[in-house]
N, C-alpha and C. Protein backbone atom coordinates (compact mmCIF):
# COMPACT_ATOMS: atom_id res chain seq x y z
N MET A 1 -34.60 7.34 10.28
CA MET A 1 -34.53 6.42 11.39
C MET A 1 -33.08 5.95 11.55
N THR A 2 -32.60 5.95 12.78
CA THR A 2 -31.23 5.50 13.04
C THR A 2 -31.21 3.99 13.26
N PHE A 3 -30.01 3.42 13.21
CA PHE A 3 -29.88 1.99 13.47
C PHE A 3 -30.33 1.65 14.89
N SER A 4 -30.07 2.52 15.85
CA SER A 4 -30.48 2.27 17.24
C SER A 4 -31.99 2.18 17.36
N GLN A 5 -32.71 3.03 16.68
CA GLN A 5 -34.17 2.98 16.71
C GLN A 5 -34.69 1.70 16.06
N LEU A 6 -34.13 1.36 14.93
CA LEU A 6 -34.51 0.13 14.25
C LEU A 6 -34.21 -1.09 15.12
N ASN A 7 -33.05 -1.09 15.74
CA ASN A 7 -32.67 -2.19 16.62
C ASN A 7 -33.61 -2.32 17.81
N ALA A 8 -34.02 -1.19 18.38
CA ALA A 8 -34.92 -1.22 19.54
C ALA A 8 -36.23 -1.92 19.17
N ILE A 9 -36.75 -1.64 18.00
CA ILE A 9 -37.99 -2.28 17.56
C ILE A 9 -37.77 -3.78 17.36
N PHE A 10 -36.71 -4.13 16.66
CA PHE A 10 -36.41 -5.51 16.35
C PHE A 10 -36.17 -6.34 17.61
N VAL A 11 -35.39 -5.81 18.55
CA VAL A 11 -35.10 -6.52 19.80
C VAL A 11 -36.35 -6.62 20.66
N ALA A 12 -37.17 -5.59 20.69
CA ALA A 12 -38.41 -5.63 21.49
C ALA A 12 -39.34 -6.74 20.98
N VAL A 13 -39.47 -6.89 19.68
CA VAL A 13 -40.29 -7.96 19.12
C VAL A 13 -39.71 -9.32 19.49
N ALA A 14 -38.40 -9.46 19.40
CA ALA A 14 -37.75 -10.73 19.75
C ALA A 14 -37.95 -11.08 21.22
N VAL A 15 -37.82 -10.10 22.09
CA VAL A 15 -38.02 -10.33 23.53
C VAL A 15 -39.48 -10.74 23.78
N LEU A 16 -40.41 -10.07 23.15
CA LEU A 16 -41.83 -10.39 23.32
C LEU A 16 -42.13 -11.82 22.88
N VAL A 17 -41.60 -12.22 21.74
CA VAL A 17 -41.82 -13.59 21.26
C VAL A 17 -41.24 -14.60 22.25
N MET A 18 -40.03 -14.34 22.76
CA MET A 18 -39.42 -15.26 23.71
C MET A 18 -40.21 -15.32 25.02
N VAL A 19 -40.69 -14.19 25.50
CA VAL A 19 -41.47 -14.17 26.74
C VAL A 19 -42.75 -14.99 26.57
N VAL A 20 -43.43 -14.82 25.45
CA VAL A 20 -44.66 -15.59 25.20
C VAL A 20 -44.33 -17.08 25.09
N ALA A 21 -43.25 -17.42 24.41
CA ALA A 21 -42.87 -18.82 24.27
C ALA A 21 -42.52 -19.44 25.62
N LEU A 22 -41.80 -18.69 26.44
CA LEU A 22 -41.44 -19.20 27.77
C LEU A 22 -42.67 -19.36 28.65
N ALA A 23 -43.61 -18.44 28.54
CA ALA A 23 -44.82 -18.51 29.36
C ALA A 23 -45.63 -19.76 29.03
N ARG A 24 -45.52 -20.24 27.81
CA ARG A 24 -46.28 -21.41 27.39
C ARG A 24 -45.56 -22.72 27.68
N GLN A 25 -44.33 -22.66 28.17
CA GLN A 25 -43.56 -23.86 28.46
C GLN A 25 -43.86 -24.36 29.88
N PRO A 26 -44.12 -25.64 30.03
CA PRO A 26 -44.36 -26.18 31.37
C PRO A 26 -43.05 -26.45 32.10
N GLY A 27 -43.05 -26.22 33.38
CA GLY A 27 -41.91 -26.59 34.22
C GLY A 27 -40.81 -25.56 34.29
N ALA A 28 -40.41 -25.24 35.50
CA ALA A 28 -39.35 -24.25 35.72
C ALA A 28 -37.99 -24.78 35.28
N ALA A 29 -37.75 -26.07 35.47
CA ALA A 29 -36.46 -26.64 35.08
C ALA A 29 -36.27 -26.57 33.57
N ALA A 30 -37.32 -26.83 32.82
CA ALA A 30 -37.24 -26.76 31.36
C ALA A 30 -36.97 -25.33 30.91
N LYS A 31 -37.58 -24.37 31.58
CA LYS A 31 -37.36 -22.96 31.24
C LYS A 31 -35.92 -22.54 31.51
N ARG A 32 -35.37 -23.00 32.66
CA ARG A 32 -33.98 -22.67 32.99
C ARG A 32 -33.02 -23.28 31.98
N THR A 33 -33.25 -24.52 31.60
CA THR A 33 -32.41 -25.19 30.62
C THR A 33 -32.48 -24.47 29.27
N LEU A 34 -33.68 -24.12 28.88
CA LEU A 34 -33.87 -23.40 27.62
C LEU A 34 -33.14 -22.06 27.64
N MET A 35 -33.29 -21.30 28.69
CA MET A 35 -32.65 -19.99 28.77
C MET A 35 -31.13 -20.11 28.83
N ALA A 36 -30.62 -21.15 29.47
CA ALA A 36 -29.17 -21.36 29.49
C ALA A 36 -28.65 -21.60 28.07
N ALA A 37 -29.38 -22.39 27.29
CA ALA A 37 -28.99 -22.64 25.90
C ALA A 37 -29.09 -21.37 25.07
N VAL A 38 -30.12 -20.58 25.29
CA VAL A 38 -30.30 -19.33 24.55
C VAL A 38 -29.18 -18.35 24.88
N VAL A 39 -28.85 -18.20 26.15
CA VAL A 39 -27.78 -17.28 26.56
C VAL A 39 -26.44 -17.73 25.99
N ALA A 40 -26.16 -19.03 26.03
CA ALA A 40 -24.90 -19.54 25.46
C ALA A 40 -24.84 -19.28 23.96
N SER A 41 -25.95 -19.49 23.27
CA SER A 41 -26.00 -19.24 21.83
C SER A 41 -25.78 -17.77 21.51
N ILE A 42 -26.41 -16.89 22.28
CA ILE A 42 -26.24 -15.46 22.06
C ILE A 42 -24.79 -15.05 22.30
N ALA A 43 -24.16 -15.60 23.32
CA ALA A 43 -22.77 -15.27 23.60
C ALA A 43 -21.87 -15.66 22.42
N VAL A 44 -22.08 -16.85 21.88
CA VAL A 44 -21.29 -17.29 20.73
C VAL A 44 -21.55 -16.38 19.53
N LEU A 45 -22.80 -16.04 19.27
CA LEU A 45 -23.14 -15.18 18.14
C LEU A 45 -22.52 -13.78 18.28
N VAL A 46 -22.51 -13.24 19.48
CA VAL A 46 -21.93 -11.91 19.71
C VAL A 46 -20.42 -11.94 19.47
N VAL A 47 -19.75 -12.98 19.96
CA VAL A 47 -18.30 -13.10 19.74
C VAL A 47 -18.00 -13.23 18.24
N LEU A 48 -18.75 -14.07 17.55
CA LEU A 48 -18.54 -14.22 16.11
C LEU A 48 -18.84 -12.94 15.35
N THR A 49 -19.85 -12.21 15.78
CA THR A 49 -20.16 -10.92 15.15
C THR A 49 -19.01 -9.95 15.34
N ALA A 50 -18.46 -9.90 16.53
CA ALA A 50 -17.33 -9.00 16.79
C ALA A 50 -16.14 -9.35 15.89
N ILE A 51 -15.85 -10.61 15.77
CA ILE A 51 -14.70 -11.02 14.96
C ILE A 51 -14.94 -10.72 13.49
N PHE A 52 -16.03 -11.23 12.95
CA PHE A 52 -16.23 -11.13 11.51
C PHE A 52 -16.61 -9.72 11.05
N ASP A 53 -17.34 -8.97 11.85
CA ASP A 53 -17.61 -7.57 11.48
C ASP A 53 -16.32 -6.78 11.38
N ASN A 54 -15.44 -6.96 12.35
CA ASN A 54 -14.16 -6.25 12.32
C ASN A 54 -13.33 -6.63 11.11
N VAL A 55 -13.30 -7.91 10.78
CA VAL A 55 -12.55 -8.36 9.61
C VAL A 55 -13.13 -7.77 8.33
N MET A 56 -14.46 -7.82 8.19
CA MET A 56 -15.09 -7.33 6.96
C MET A 56 -14.96 -5.81 6.82
N ILE A 57 -15.09 -5.08 7.92
CA ILE A 57 -14.94 -3.62 7.86
C ILE A 57 -13.49 -3.25 7.57
N ALA A 58 -12.54 -3.94 8.22
CA ALA A 58 -11.12 -3.66 7.99
C ALA A 58 -10.70 -3.95 6.56
N SER A 59 -11.31 -4.96 5.94
CA SER A 59 -10.95 -5.30 4.56
C SER A 59 -11.66 -4.42 3.54
N GLY A 60 -12.56 -3.56 4.00
CA GLY A 60 -13.23 -2.63 3.10
C GLY A 60 -14.46 -3.19 2.40
N LEU A 61 -14.99 -4.31 2.89
CA LEU A 61 -16.18 -4.88 2.25
C LEU A 61 -17.40 -3.98 2.41
N PHE A 62 -17.49 -3.29 3.54
CA PHE A 62 -18.61 -2.37 3.75
C PHE A 62 -18.25 -1.36 4.83
N ASP A 63 -19.06 -0.34 4.90
CA ASP A 63 -18.93 0.70 5.94
C ASP A 63 -20.32 1.24 6.21
N TYR A 64 -20.45 2.06 7.22
CA TYR A 64 -21.75 2.60 7.62
C TYR A 64 -21.75 4.11 7.45
N ALA A 65 -22.92 4.64 7.14
CA ALA A 65 -23.08 6.09 7.11
C ALA A 65 -23.00 6.59 8.55
N GLY A 66 -22.10 7.50 8.82
CA GLY A 66 -21.86 7.96 10.19
C GLY A 66 -23.04 8.60 10.87
N HIS A 67 -23.92 9.25 10.13
CA HIS A 67 -25.04 9.96 10.77
C HIS A 67 -26.11 9.02 11.31
N THR A 68 -26.10 7.73 10.96
CA THR A 68 -27.09 6.79 11.46
C THR A 68 -26.59 5.99 12.67
N LEU A 69 -25.35 6.21 13.07
CA LEU A 69 -24.76 5.47 14.19
C LEU A 69 -24.63 6.37 15.40
N ASN A 70 -24.59 5.74 16.60
CA ASN A 70 -24.42 6.55 17.81
C ASN A 70 -22.95 6.79 18.16
N GLY A 71 -22.03 6.13 17.47
CA GLY A 71 -20.60 6.39 17.66
C GLY A 71 -19.85 5.37 18.48
N LEU A 72 -20.56 4.55 19.25
CA LEU A 72 -19.87 3.52 20.04
C LEU A 72 -19.47 2.37 19.13
N ARG A 73 -18.26 1.88 19.32
CA ARG A 73 -17.75 0.79 18.49
C ARG A 73 -17.02 -0.25 19.34
N VAL A 74 -17.01 -1.47 18.86
CA VAL A 74 -16.19 -2.55 19.40
C VAL A 74 -15.18 -2.83 18.30
N GLY A 75 -13.99 -2.28 18.48
CA GLY A 75 -13.02 -2.30 17.39
C GLY A 75 -13.53 -1.39 16.30
N LEU A 76 -13.72 -1.94 15.11
CA LEU A 76 -14.28 -1.17 14.00
C LEU A 76 -15.79 -1.35 13.87
N ALA A 77 -16.34 -2.34 14.54
CA ALA A 77 -17.76 -2.67 14.41
C ALA A 77 -18.62 -1.75 15.28
N PRO A 78 -19.64 -1.14 14.68
CA PRO A 78 -20.54 -0.29 15.48
C PRO A 78 -21.36 -1.14 16.44
N ILE A 79 -21.64 -0.58 17.60
CA ILE A 79 -22.36 -1.31 18.64
C ILE A 79 -23.75 -1.74 18.15
N GLU A 80 -24.31 -1.02 17.20
CA GLU A 80 -25.63 -1.35 16.68
C GLU A 80 -25.66 -2.72 16.00
N ASP A 81 -24.53 -3.17 15.47
CA ASP A 81 -24.48 -4.48 14.82
C ASP A 81 -24.72 -5.63 15.78
N PHE A 82 -24.53 -5.42 17.05
CA PHE A 82 -24.66 -6.50 18.01
C PHE A 82 -26.10 -6.77 18.42
N ALA A 83 -27.01 -5.90 18.03
CA ALA A 83 -28.42 -6.13 18.33
C ALA A 83 -28.98 -7.28 17.50
N TYR A 84 -28.47 -7.46 16.30
CA TYR A 84 -29.00 -8.50 15.41
C TYR A 84 -28.74 -9.91 15.93
N PRO A 85 -27.53 -10.25 16.36
CA PRO A 85 -27.36 -11.61 16.90
C PRO A 85 -28.12 -11.82 18.21
N ILE A 86 -28.27 -10.76 18.99
CA ILE A 86 -29.05 -10.88 20.23
C ILE A 86 -30.51 -11.15 19.91
N ALA A 87 -31.05 -10.38 18.98
CA ALA A 87 -32.45 -10.57 18.59
C ALA A 87 -32.66 -11.94 17.95
N ALA A 88 -31.75 -12.35 17.09
CA ALA A 88 -31.88 -13.66 16.44
C ALA A 88 -31.80 -14.78 17.46
N GLY A 89 -30.93 -14.63 18.45
CA GLY A 89 -30.79 -15.64 19.50
C GLY A 89 -32.03 -15.77 20.37
N LEU A 90 -32.84 -14.74 20.41
CA LEU A 90 -34.11 -14.78 21.14
C LEU A 90 -35.28 -15.17 20.24
N LEU A 91 -35.32 -14.58 19.06
CA LEU A 91 -36.47 -14.74 18.16
C LEU A 91 -36.57 -16.16 17.59
N LEU A 92 -35.49 -16.71 17.11
CA LEU A 92 -35.56 -18.02 16.46
C LEU A 92 -35.96 -19.14 17.42
N PRO A 93 -35.36 -19.25 18.61
CA PRO A 93 -35.84 -20.28 19.53
C PRO A 93 -37.28 -20.02 19.99
N GLY A 94 -37.63 -18.75 20.17
CA GLY A 94 -39.00 -18.43 20.57
C GLY A 94 -40.01 -18.87 19.53
N LEU A 95 -39.73 -18.58 18.27
CA LEU A 95 -40.63 -19.01 17.20
C LEU A 95 -40.68 -20.53 17.09
N TRP A 96 -39.52 -21.16 17.25
CA TRP A 96 -39.48 -22.62 17.20
C TRP A 96 -40.39 -23.22 18.27
N LEU A 97 -40.30 -22.69 19.47
CA LEU A 97 -41.14 -23.20 20.56
C LEU A 97 -42.62 -22.95 20.30
N LEU A 98 -42.95 -21.79 19.77
CA LEU A 98 -44.35 -21.47 19.51
C LEU A 98 -44.93 -22.32 18.38
N PHE A 99 -44.15 -22.57 17.34
CA PHE A 99 -44.67 -23.30 16.19
C PHE A 99 -44.63 -24.82 16.35
N THR A 100 -43.84 -25.31 17.29
CA THR A 100 -43.75 -26.77 17.48
C THR A 100 -44.41 -27.21 18.77
N ARG A 101 -45.12 -26.36 19.42
CA ARG A 101 -45.75 -26.68 20.70
C ARG A 101 -46.73 -27.85 20.52
N GLY A 102 -46.56 -28.85 21.37
CA GLY A 102 -47.46 -29.99 21.37
C GLY A 102 -47.13 -31.07 20.35
N ARG A 103 -46.17 -30.83 19.49
CA ARG A 103 -45.79 -31.85 18.49
C ARG A 103 -44.68 -32.72 19.05
N ARG A 104 -44.78 -33.99 18.78
CA ARG A 104 -43.75 -34.94 19.20
C ARG A 104 -43.11 -35.53 17.97
N PRO A 105 -41.77 -35.71 17.99
CA PRO A 105 -41.11 -36.35 16.83
C PRO A 105 -41.46 -37.82 16.73
């Protein structure tokens, strides 16, 4: 299995969780606000991934087996690494919404 195939599964699950969580949220304004926060969080995570992956790969902390990658890179970081912050940015807020639904602090 390649990293792209693994990422496709992981991101699909994250998208599904977020879609279900959004469907259960009342009000269009709340959904827009939530998605704006999610998109901003994902943008920050992707930028940090680009910076720190490049630093860690350049310093020799780790490398990837070439046969599992599709070859596209952002600097030294393989494009497959960017699926994880995207999935996390969708999955974690989605799970939070699903598990805290109806609870008030």
